[in-house]
Amino acid sequence: MDSVYLGSQLTIAVAQSADTFGGCFPLNSQSDGVHQGEMFFKTPVLCDPTDEQILVRVYHHDIWQRVKNTPLSGRGWTLQEQLLSHRIAWCMQPEVHWSCQASYQSQSGLYFAPDEVARAQSTLPLLMDATFTFTSRDWHRIVGIYSRRGLTFPRDRVAAMAGITRYIAGRVQARPILGLWEETFSRDLAWLRASPDPKPELPSLAALLPSWSWLACPGSVYYDPWDWNRRLIPASDPVDHVRLLEWEVTWDGNPYTSAVTSAYARVDGPVREIHIRSFPEGAWGRPPYLQVFGEDVKFGGSTGGEEPKTVPRRCCGQFDAVNAAEIEPRSFLCLLVRLRMGLTLTGGFYCDEIFLILDSVSGGGGGGSDPQQRKYRRVGLARIVTGDRARTFDTVKSVSLLLV
């Protein structure tokens, strides 16, 4: 389907129709029409001797949210047509919207230049703009948007991304690996489950896809939960510590449009065992706080809000499984993914480390035998912060692991 949208002159998007019978301009309670808070009024032009009047329109909510909140933008398959089409006419109530490489416009005359569109967080990256420089942050943004969309059939979660993946692979000359990229594999591993509840159609994917791919997660995901891309205080550039040694994905037929029969990735990076326990009071955090290394957890009530007075804050993260509360507290083998050093607001130093939580496929937390001789699956992602430049992981020593 990617070639269809890439080769088309115009894509007509019926954005607000719930099904094929709704038509281009459905009249229902979900339509963003005048009756939902928008209004028109006339007002005289100041200092105009002709007493002419202008027509003013007041929009309800952010104009950027209009397309984003339509039924069409809630479907997984439609993301590729929105990203790969050169021009789109959005059929909506009460007006048609237009988007292309040069602008975003509404039928009533609102105009936004490409740089304004690119800065809007609710819009998609301008993939079809020849001047647009694609980065891993753009891919992570696409992943977050796509993972929140729905699919009728769970098996389509890989196939519905095939067209976008092929286009980006050709444009930046990169090799895709089931939602990740060979060239940025380490930072692509750092996805986090976002939704508290699984999508009912997705839990079965965990048995069909490798654990390190966000495609196997039974809910929506997102990247950079700790705002590493922001520079509020001085910090070093993040350093990736996972090195991809080899990988293989075997398909039942054509890549990305057939079932995955087997997949693995052999990586190299610093590891250590960490005792991890999730606790109810830690759920206040976003992501939740975790108890590590058996640290003392004491709670003295709340400060008037929902946050307890004393919560261990140095480690927070999320297990990939939605039933994380049922995971037994124990030692997990953890793999350092990214690290950065920086200054605290009081002038001290800190070390910020993001790591994968792994579990041996044969059971146990990875101890008792050589980790290099065992297979591991990803079960979560976490971040730990230490002061005085102390590091949780020894970055000098690396271990080779097989992830499945």
Protein backbone atom coordinates (compact mmCIF):
# COMPACT_ATOMS: atom_id res chain seq x y z
CA MET A 1 0.00 0.00 0.00
CA ASP A 2 2.93 2.35 0.45
CA SER A 3 3.42 2.57 -3.31
CA VAL A 4 -0.26 3.53 -3.72
CA TYR A 5 0.01 6.57 -1.46
CA LEU A 6 3.50 7.50 -2.63
CA GLY A 7 2.32 7.46 -6.25
CA SER A 8 -0.98 9.27 -5.75
CA GLN A 9 -1.62 12.93 -6.54
CA LEU A 10 -4.30 13.36 -3.87
CA THR A 11 -5.62 11.31 -0.97
CA ILE A 12 -9.20 12.02 0.10
CA ALA A 13 -9.57 11.16 3.79
CA VAL A 14 -13.07 10.62 5.19
CA ALA A 15 -11.95 11.48 8.71
CA GLN A 16 -15.09 11.50 10.86
CA SER A 17 -17.05 8.58 9.50
CA ALA A 18 -17.23 5.62 11.87
CA ASP A 19 -17.67 3.12 9.04
CA THR A 20 -18.14 2.84 5.28
CA PHE A 21 -21.78 3.94 5.54
CA GLY A 22 -21.16 7.27 7.30
CA GLY A 23 -20.33 9.37 4.26
CA CYS A 24 -17.80 12.16 3.86
CA PHE A 25 -19.56 14.65 6.13
CA PRO A 26 -21.48 12.73 8.82
CA LEU A 27 -23.77 14.71 11.09
CA ASN A 28 -23.51 13.29 14.58
CA SER A 29 -22.58 14.25 18.12
CA GLN A 30 -18.91 13.61 17.44
CA SER A 31 -18.65 16.19 14.66
CA ASP A 32 -16.67 19.28 15.59
CA GLY A 33 -19.33 21.69 14.45
CA VAL A 34 -20.60 25.09 15.49
CA HIS A 35 -23.03 23.49 17.92
CA GLN A 36 -20.09 22.24 20.04
CA GLY A 37 -18.85 25.65 21.04
CA GLU A 38 -17.70 27.31 17.85
CA MET A 39 -19.27 30.54 16.76
CA PHE A 40 -19.25 33.20 14.08
CA PHE A 41 -19.79 36.89 14.64
CA LYS A 42 -19.28 40.15 12.81
CA THR A 43 -17.29 43.04 14.17
CA PRO A 44 -16.41 46.45 12.73
CA VAL A 45 -12.87 47.14 11.56
CA LEU A 46 -11.24 49.65 13.88
CA CYS A 47 -10.35 53.02 12.34
CA ASP A 48 -12.13 52.11 9.11
CA PRO A 49 -14.20 55.08 7.82
CA THR A 50 -16.27 52.78 5.58
CA ASP A 51 -17.81 51.02 8.58
CA GLU A 52 -17.03 47.67 6.99
CA GLN A 53 -17.33 44.57 9.11
CA ILE A 54 -15.27 41.42 9.19
CA LEU A 55 -16.49 37.92 9.93
CA VAL A 56 -14.73 36.31 12.92
CA ARG A 57 -14.74 32.60 13.67
CA VAL A 58 -13.92 31.24 17.13
CA TYR A 59 -12.71 27.64 17.06
CA HIS A 60 -13.47 25.15 19.80
CA HIS A 61 -10.23 23.61 21.16
CA ASP A 62 -6.92 23.38 19.33
CA ILE A 63 -7.21 23.31 15.53
CA TRP A 64 -4.38 20.73 15.44
CA GLN A 65 -6.47 18.28 17.45
CA ARG A 66 -9.26 18.19 14.89
CA VAL A 67 -7.73 15.57 12.61
CA LYS A 68 -6.00 13.77 15.46
CA ASN A 69 -9.26 13.11 17.32
CA THR A 70 -11.21 11.68 14.38
CA PRO A 71 -12.15 7.99 14.01
CA LEU A 72 -9.82 7.73 11.01
CA SER A 73 -6.80 8.71 13.12
CA GLY A 74 -7.63 5.99 15.62
CA ARG A 75 -7.01 3.19 13.13
CA GLY A 76 -3.62 1.56 12.74
CA TRP A 77 -3.80 0.98 9.00
CA THR A 78 -4.46 4.63 8.20
CA LEU A 79 -1.17 5.94 9.63
CA GLN A 80 0.71 5.05 6.46
CA GLU A 81 -1.69 6.99 4.25
CA GLN A 82 -1.37 10.02 6.54
CA LEU A 83 2.44 9.86 6.52
CA LEU A 84 3.14 8.88 2.92
CA SER A 85 0.52 10.84 0.97
CA HIS A 86 1.80 13.95 -0.80
CA ARG A 87 -1.51 15.82 -0.39
CA ILE A 88 -4.55 15.07 1.75
CA ALA A 89 -8.03 16.58 1.67
CA TRP A 90 -9.62 15.94 5.07
CA CYS A 91 -13.40 15.69 4.76
CA MET A 92 -14.81 16.79 8.13
CA GLN A 93 -17.59 18.80 9.69
CA PRO A 94 -17.92 21.75 9.52
CA GLU A 95 -15.18 22.30 6.93
CA VAL A 96 -12.58 20.59 4.78
CA HIS A 97 -8.91 20.72 5.80
CA TRP A 98 -5.93 20.48 3.46
CA SER A 99 -2.40 19.29 4.17
CA CYS A 100 0.62 18.98 1.91
CA GLN A 101 4.37 19.62 1.94
CA ALA A 102 3.84 23.37 1.61
CA SER A 103 1.14 24.09 4.16
CA TYR A 104 -1.79 23.09 6.32
CA GLN A 105 -5.00 24.99 5.59
CA SER A 106 -8.65 25.04 6.58
CA GLN A 107 -11.57 25.82 4.32
CA SER A 108 -12.29 28.98 6.31
CA GLY A 109 -8.84 30.38 5.52
CA LEU A 110 -6.51 29.40 8.37
CA TYR A 111 -3.00 28.82 7.05
CA PHE A 112 0.01 27.17 8.73
CA ALA A 113 3.48 26.98 7.22
CA PRO A 114 5.49 23.71 7.28
CA ASP A 115 7.70 24.84 10.16
CA GLU A 116 4.59 25.56 12.25
CA VAL A 117 3.23 22.12 11.44
CA ALA A 118 6.54 20.47 12.38
CA ARG A 119 6.56 22.19 15.78
CA ALA A 120 3.05 21.03 16.66
CA GLN A 121 3.40 18.00 18.95
CA SER A 122 0.05 16.55 17.90
CA THR A 123 0.97 16.34 14.21
CA LEU A 124 2.91 13.70 12.34
CA PRO A 125 6.47 14.18 11.08
CA LEU A 126 6.65 15.65 7.56
CA LEU A 127 8.11 12.54 5.94
CA MET A 128 7.29 13.64 2.40
CA ASP A 129 9.10 16.97 2.72
CA ALA A 130 12.39 16.59 0.84
CA THR A 131 14.08 19.00 3.28
CA PHE A 132 12.95 17.08 6.36
CA THR A 133 15.84 15.40 8.21
CA PHE A 134 14.61 12.14 9.70
CA THR A 135 16.04 11.12 13.09
CA SER A 136 15.47 8.38 15.65
CA ARG A 137 13.35 10.84 17.65
CA ASP A 138 10.97 11.09 14.70
CA TRP A 139 10.73 7.31 14.55
CA HIS A 140 10.01 7.14 18.26
CA ARG A 141 7.26 9.71 17.78
CA ILE A 142 5.73 7.60 15.01
CA VAL A 143 5.91 4.50 17.21
CA GLY A 144 4.08 6.25 20.05
CA ILE A 145 1.30 7.46 17.73
CA TYR A 146 0.93 4.10 15.99
CA SER A 147 0.89 2.01 19.19
CA ARG A 148 -2.11 4.00 20.47
CA ARG A 149 -4.18 3.12 17.42
CA GLY A 150 -6.54 0.19 17.13
CA LEU A 151 -6.51 -2.86 14.88
CA THR A 152 -9.30 -5.29 14.10
CA PHE A 153 -6.87 -8.19 13.72
CA PRO A 154 -3.82 -8.48 16.02
CA ARG A 155 -1.67 -10.05 13.30
CA ASP A 156 -1.87 -6.79 11.33
CA ARG A 157 0.24 -4.86 13.84
CA VAL A 158 3.43 -5.67 11.92
CA ALA A 159 1.94 -5.50 8.43
CA ALA A 160 0.27 -2.12 8.96
CA MET A 161 3.72 -0.59 9.56
CA ALA A 162 5.36 -2.28 6.57
CA GLY A 163 4.83 0.59 4.12
CA ILE A 164 6.19 3.24 6.50
CA THR A 165 9.15 1.01 7.38
CA ARG A 166 10.05 0.41 3.73
CA TYR A 167 9.88 4.10 2.89
CA ILE A 168 12.06 5.20 5.80
CA ALA A 169 14.54 2.37 5.20
CA GLY A 170 15.03 3.54 1.63
CA ARG A 171 15.20 7.20 2.52
CA VAL A 172 17.81 6.99 5.29
CA GLN A 173 19.50 3.79 4.08
CA ALA A 174 18.87 1.90 7.32
CA ARG A 175 17.99 -1.73 8.13
CA PRO A 176 14.74 -2.33 10.04
CA ILE A 177 14.46 -5.01 12.72
CA LEU A 178 10.83 -5.52 13.75
CA GLY A 179 10.11 -1.94 14.77
CA LEU A 180 13.72 -1.14 15.67
CA TRP A 181 16.69 -0.19 13.47
CA GLU A 182 20.10 -1.80 13.20
CA GLU A 183 21.86 1.57 13.26
CA THR A 184 20.10 2.83 16.43
CA PHE A 185 19.30 -0.49 18.10
CA SER A 186 20.45 0.53 21.58
CA ARG A 187 18.26 3.63 21.90
CA ASP A 188 15.38 1.89 20.10
CA LEU A 189 15.34 -0.71 22.88
CA ALA A 190 14.40 1.99 25.40
CA TRP A 191 10.63 1.90 24.87
CA LEU A 192 8.25 1.86 27.81
CA ARG A 193 4.75 0.48 28.14
CA ALA A 194 2.41 3.42 28.56
CA SER A 195 -1.14 2.12 28.82
CA PRO A 196 -2.21 0.69 32.19
CA ASP A 197 -4.56 -1.78 30.54
CA PRO A 198 -3.87 -4.02 27.55
CA LYS A 199 -5.68 -3.61 24.29
CA PRO A 200 -7.95 -6.66 24.14
CA GLU A 201 -6.75 -7.66 20.68
CA LEU A 202 -2.99 -7.50 21.44
CA PRO A 203 -2.00 -9.84 24.33
CA SER A 204 -1.53 -12.76 21.94
CA LEU A 205 1.29 -10.91 20.15
CA ALA A 206 3.72 -11.54 23.02
CA ALA A 207 3.86 -15.21 22.01
CA LEU A 208 4.38 -14.40 18.32
CA LEU A 209 7.08 -11.70 18.43
CA PRO A 210 10.40 -11.23 20.25
CA SER A 211 10.19 -9.57 23.65
CA TRP A 212 12.64 -6.78 22.75
CA SER A 213 10.35 -5.41 20.03
CA TRP A 214 7.70 -2.87 21.06
CA LEU A 215 5.41 -4.61 18.56
CA ALA A 216 5.04 -7.44 21.10
CA CYS A 217 3.85 -5.10 23.87
CA PRO A 218 0.13 -5.60 24.64
CA GLY A 219 -0.50 -1.86 24.95
CA SER A 220 0.69 1.53 23.77
CA VAL A 221 4.34 2.51 24.22
CA TYR A 222 6.41 5.67 24.27
CA TYR A 223 10.04 6.77 24.31
CA ASP A 224 12.02 9.22 26.44
CA PRO A 225 9.75 9.13 29.51
CA TRP A 226 12.45 10.97 31.46
CA ASP A 227 12.84 13.88 29.02
CA TRP A 228 16.42 13.09 28.08
CA ASN A 229 15.96 15.23 24.98
CA ARG A 230 15.43 18.33 27.13
CA ARG A 231 18.27 20.31 28.65
CA LEU A 232 16.87 21.92 31.77
CA ILE A 233 20.15 21.42 33.65
CA PRO A 234 23.68 20.77 32.30
CA ALA A 235 24.15 17.17 31.26
CA SER A 236 26.38 15.16 28.97
CA ASP A 237 25.06 13.66 25.77
CA PRO A 238 23.55 10.20 26.36
CA VAL A 239 25.93 7.35 25.62
CA ASP A 240 24.55 4.11 24.14
CA HIS A 241 26.01 1.01 25.77
CA VAL A 242 24.30 -1.85 23.91
CA ARG A 243 26.18 -3.07 20.87
CA LEU A 244 24.27 -5.21 18.37
CA LEU A 245 26.46 -8.16 17.36
CA GLU A 246 24.08 -10.12 15.16
CA TRP A 247 20.38 -10.62 14.59
CA GLU A 248 18.01 -12.71 12.56
CA VAL A 249 14.30 -12.59 11.79
CA THR A 250 12.74 -15.49 9.92
CA TRP A 251 9.41 -14.99 8.18
CA ASP A 252 6.81 -17.49 7.08
CA GLY A 253 6.58 -15.64 3.73
CA ASN A 254 7.22 -12.09 2.61
CA PRO A 255 8.92 -9.92 5.26
CA TYR A 256 6.56 -7.76 7.34
CA THR A 257 3.44 -9.13 5.68
CA SER A 258 3.68 -12.72 6.95
CA ALA A 259 4.10 -14.32 10.37
CA VAL A 260 7.41 -14.30 12.23
CA THR A 261 8.61 -17.86 12.79
CA SER A 262 11.73 -17.00 14.82
CA ALA A 263 13.77 -13.97 15.85
CA TYR A 264 16.76 -13.21 18.03
CA ALA A 265 19.30 -10.47 18.67
CA ARG A 266 22.76 -11.05 20.17
CA VAL A 267 23.96 -7.96 21.97
CA ASP A 268 26.93 -6.90 24.03
CA GLY A 269 26.79 -4.55 27.02
CA PRO A 270 27.32 -4.00 30.76
CA VAL A 271 25.12 -6.15 33.01
CA ARG A 272 24.49 -6.73 36.69
CA GLU A 273 21.87 -8.36 38.86
CA ILE A 274 19.43 -6.04 40.64
CA HIS A 275 16.77 -7.07 43.13
CA ILE A 276 13.57 -5.33 41.97
CA ARG A 277 10.19 -5.08 43.62
CA SER A 278 7.14 -3.09 42.61
CA PHE A 279 5.03 -1.73 45.47
CA PRO A 280 1.57 -0.13 45.60
CA GLU A 281 2.78 3.23 46.91
CA GLY A 282 5.25 3.53 44.04
CA ALA A 283 2.42 3.55 41.51
CA TRP A 284 2.05 7.28 42.17
CA GLY A 285 5.02 7.93 39.88
CA ARG A 286 4.88 8.16 36.11
CA PRO A 287 6.57 5.75 35.46
CA PRO A 288 6.05 3.96 38.78
CA TYR A 289 8.81 3.92 41.39
CA LEU A 290 10.55 0.60 42.05
CA GLN A 291 12.32 -0.72 45.11
CA VAL A 292 15.85 -1.89 44.25
CA PHE A 293 18.69 -3.54 46.17
CA GLY A 294 16.36 -4.12 49.13
CA GLU A 295 16.38 -0.44 50.13
CA ASP A 296 14.28 0.57 53.10
CA VAL A 297 10.78 1.69 52.13
CA LYS A 298 9.00 3.77 54.75
CA PHE A 299 5.80 5.71 54.31
CA GLY A 300 4.57 8.47 56.58
CA GLY A 301 1.25 9.33 55.05
CA SER A 302 0.72 11.94 52.35
CA THR A 303 1.38 15.63 51.94
CA GLY A 304 -2.23 16.48 51.15
CA GLY A 305 -2.16 15.09 47.61
CA GLU A 306 -1.76 11.58 46.32
CA GLU A 307 2.01 11.38 46.77
CA PRO A 308 3.29 9.64 49.92
CA LYS A 309 5.76 11.62 52.03
CA THR A 310 8.61 9.15 51.63
CA VAL A 311 9.01 7.21 48.41
CA PRO A 312 12.33 5.86 47.11
CA ARG A 313 12.86 7.95 44.01
CA ARG A 314 16.19 6.78 42.68
CA CYS A 315 14.67 4.04 40.50
CA CYS A 316 11.52 4.10 38.43
CA GLY A 317 10.34 2.01 35.53
CA GLN A 318 7.73 -0.33 34.20
CA PHE A 319 7.36 -4.02 33.64
CA ASP A 320 6.16 -4.87 30.14
CA ALA A 321 3.45 -7.20 31.44
CA VAL A 322 0.22 -5.53 32.48
CA ASN A 323 0.01 -7.74 35.58
CA ALA A 324 3.26 -6.30 36.98
CA ALA A 325 1.90 -6.47 40.54
CA GLU A 326 1.90 -10.25 40.25
CA ILE A 327 5.61 -10.43 39.35
CA GLU A 328 7.52 -11.95 42.23
CA PRO A 329 10.17 -9.65 43.79
CA ARG A 330 13.58 -11.12 43.01
CA SER A 331 16.89 -10.51 41.34
CA PHE A 332 16.82 -9.81 37.61
CA LEU A 333 19.72 -9.64 35.22
CA CYS A 334 19.78 -6.04 33.95
CA LEU A 335 21.44 -4.67 30.82
CA LEU A 336 22.60 -1.05 30.66
CA VAL A 337 21.15 0.65 27.58
CA ARG A 338 22.01 4.36 27.93
CA LEU A 339 23.92 6.55 30.39
CA ARG A 340 24.47 10.25 30.94
CA MET A 341 26.22 12.36 33.58
CA GLY A 342 25.14 15.80 34.73
CA LEU A 343 24.90 18.49 37.39
CA THR A 344 22.13 18.68 39.94
CA LEU A 345 20.32 21.92 40.72
CA THR A 346 22.45 22.21 43.87
CA GLY A 347 25.72 21.88 41.96
CA GLY A 348 26.46 18.21 42.66
CA PHE A 349 26.99 15.45 40.13
CA TYR A 350 24.65 12.62 39.22
CA CYS A 351 24.70 9.52 37.06
CA ASP A 352 21.56 8.64 35.11
CA GLU A 353 21.29 5.07 33.76
CA ILE A 354 18.52 3.41 31.72
CA PHE A 355 18.52 -0.39 31.67
CA LEU A 356 16.54 -3.38 30.43
CA ILE A 357 15.13 -5.83 32.95
CA LEU A 358 15.75 -9.35 31.66
CA ASP A 359 14.58 -12.81 32.60
CA SER A 360 15.99 -16.16 31.57
CA VAL A 361 13.62 -18.08 29.31
CA SER A 362 14.40 -21.21 31.31
CA GLY A 363 13.26 -19.55 34.54
CA GLY A 364 15.05 -17.69 37.31
CA GLY A 365 16.67 -14.29 37.31
CA GLY A 366 19.82 -15.16 35.41
CA GLY A 367 22.08 -16.26 38.24
CA GLY A 368 23.72 -19.63 38.77
CA SER A 369 25.28 -20.03 35.31
CA ASP A 370 27.12 -18.08 32.67
CA PRO A 371 24.71 -15.43 31.25
CA GLN A 372 26.40 -15.73 27.87
CA GLN A 373 25.19 -19.31 27.56
CA ARG A 374 21.53 -18.55 28.19
CA LYS A 375 18.65 -16.93 26.36
CA TYR A 376 16.88 -13.93 27.83
CA ARG A 377 13.66 -12.14 27.21
CA ARG A 378 12.96 -8.54 28.03
CA VAL A 379 10.44 -8.03 30.86
CA GLY A 380 10.74 -4.29 31.52
CA LEU A 381 12.66 -1.01 31.39
CA ALA A 382 13.85 1.14 34.29
CA ARG A 383 16.03 4.11 35.17
CA ILE A 384 18.25 4.56 38.19
CA VAL A 385 19.89 7.80 39.35
CA THR A 386 22.88 7.93 41.70
CA GLY A 387 24.82 10.86 43.11
CA ASP A 388 28.51 11.79 43.29
CA ARG A 389 29.21 10.24 39.90
CA ALA A 390 28.70 6.75 41.31
CA ARG A 391 27.60 4.23 38.71
CA THR A 392 25.32 1.25 39.15
CA PHE A 393 26.81 -0.53 36.13
CA ASP A 394 30.47 -1.15 35.41
CA THR A 395 30.76 0.16 31.86
CA VAL A 396 34.23 -1.32 31.42
CA LYS A 397 33.02 -4.92 31.53
CA SER A 398 30.63 -6.16 28.85
CA VAL A 399 28.81 -9.45 28.42
CA SER A 400 27.31 -10.99 25.29
CA LEU A 401 23.65 -11.96 25.63
CA LEU A 402 21.10 -13.61 23.36
CA LEU A 403 17.74 -11.79 23.45
CA VAL A 404 14.61 -13.55 22.21
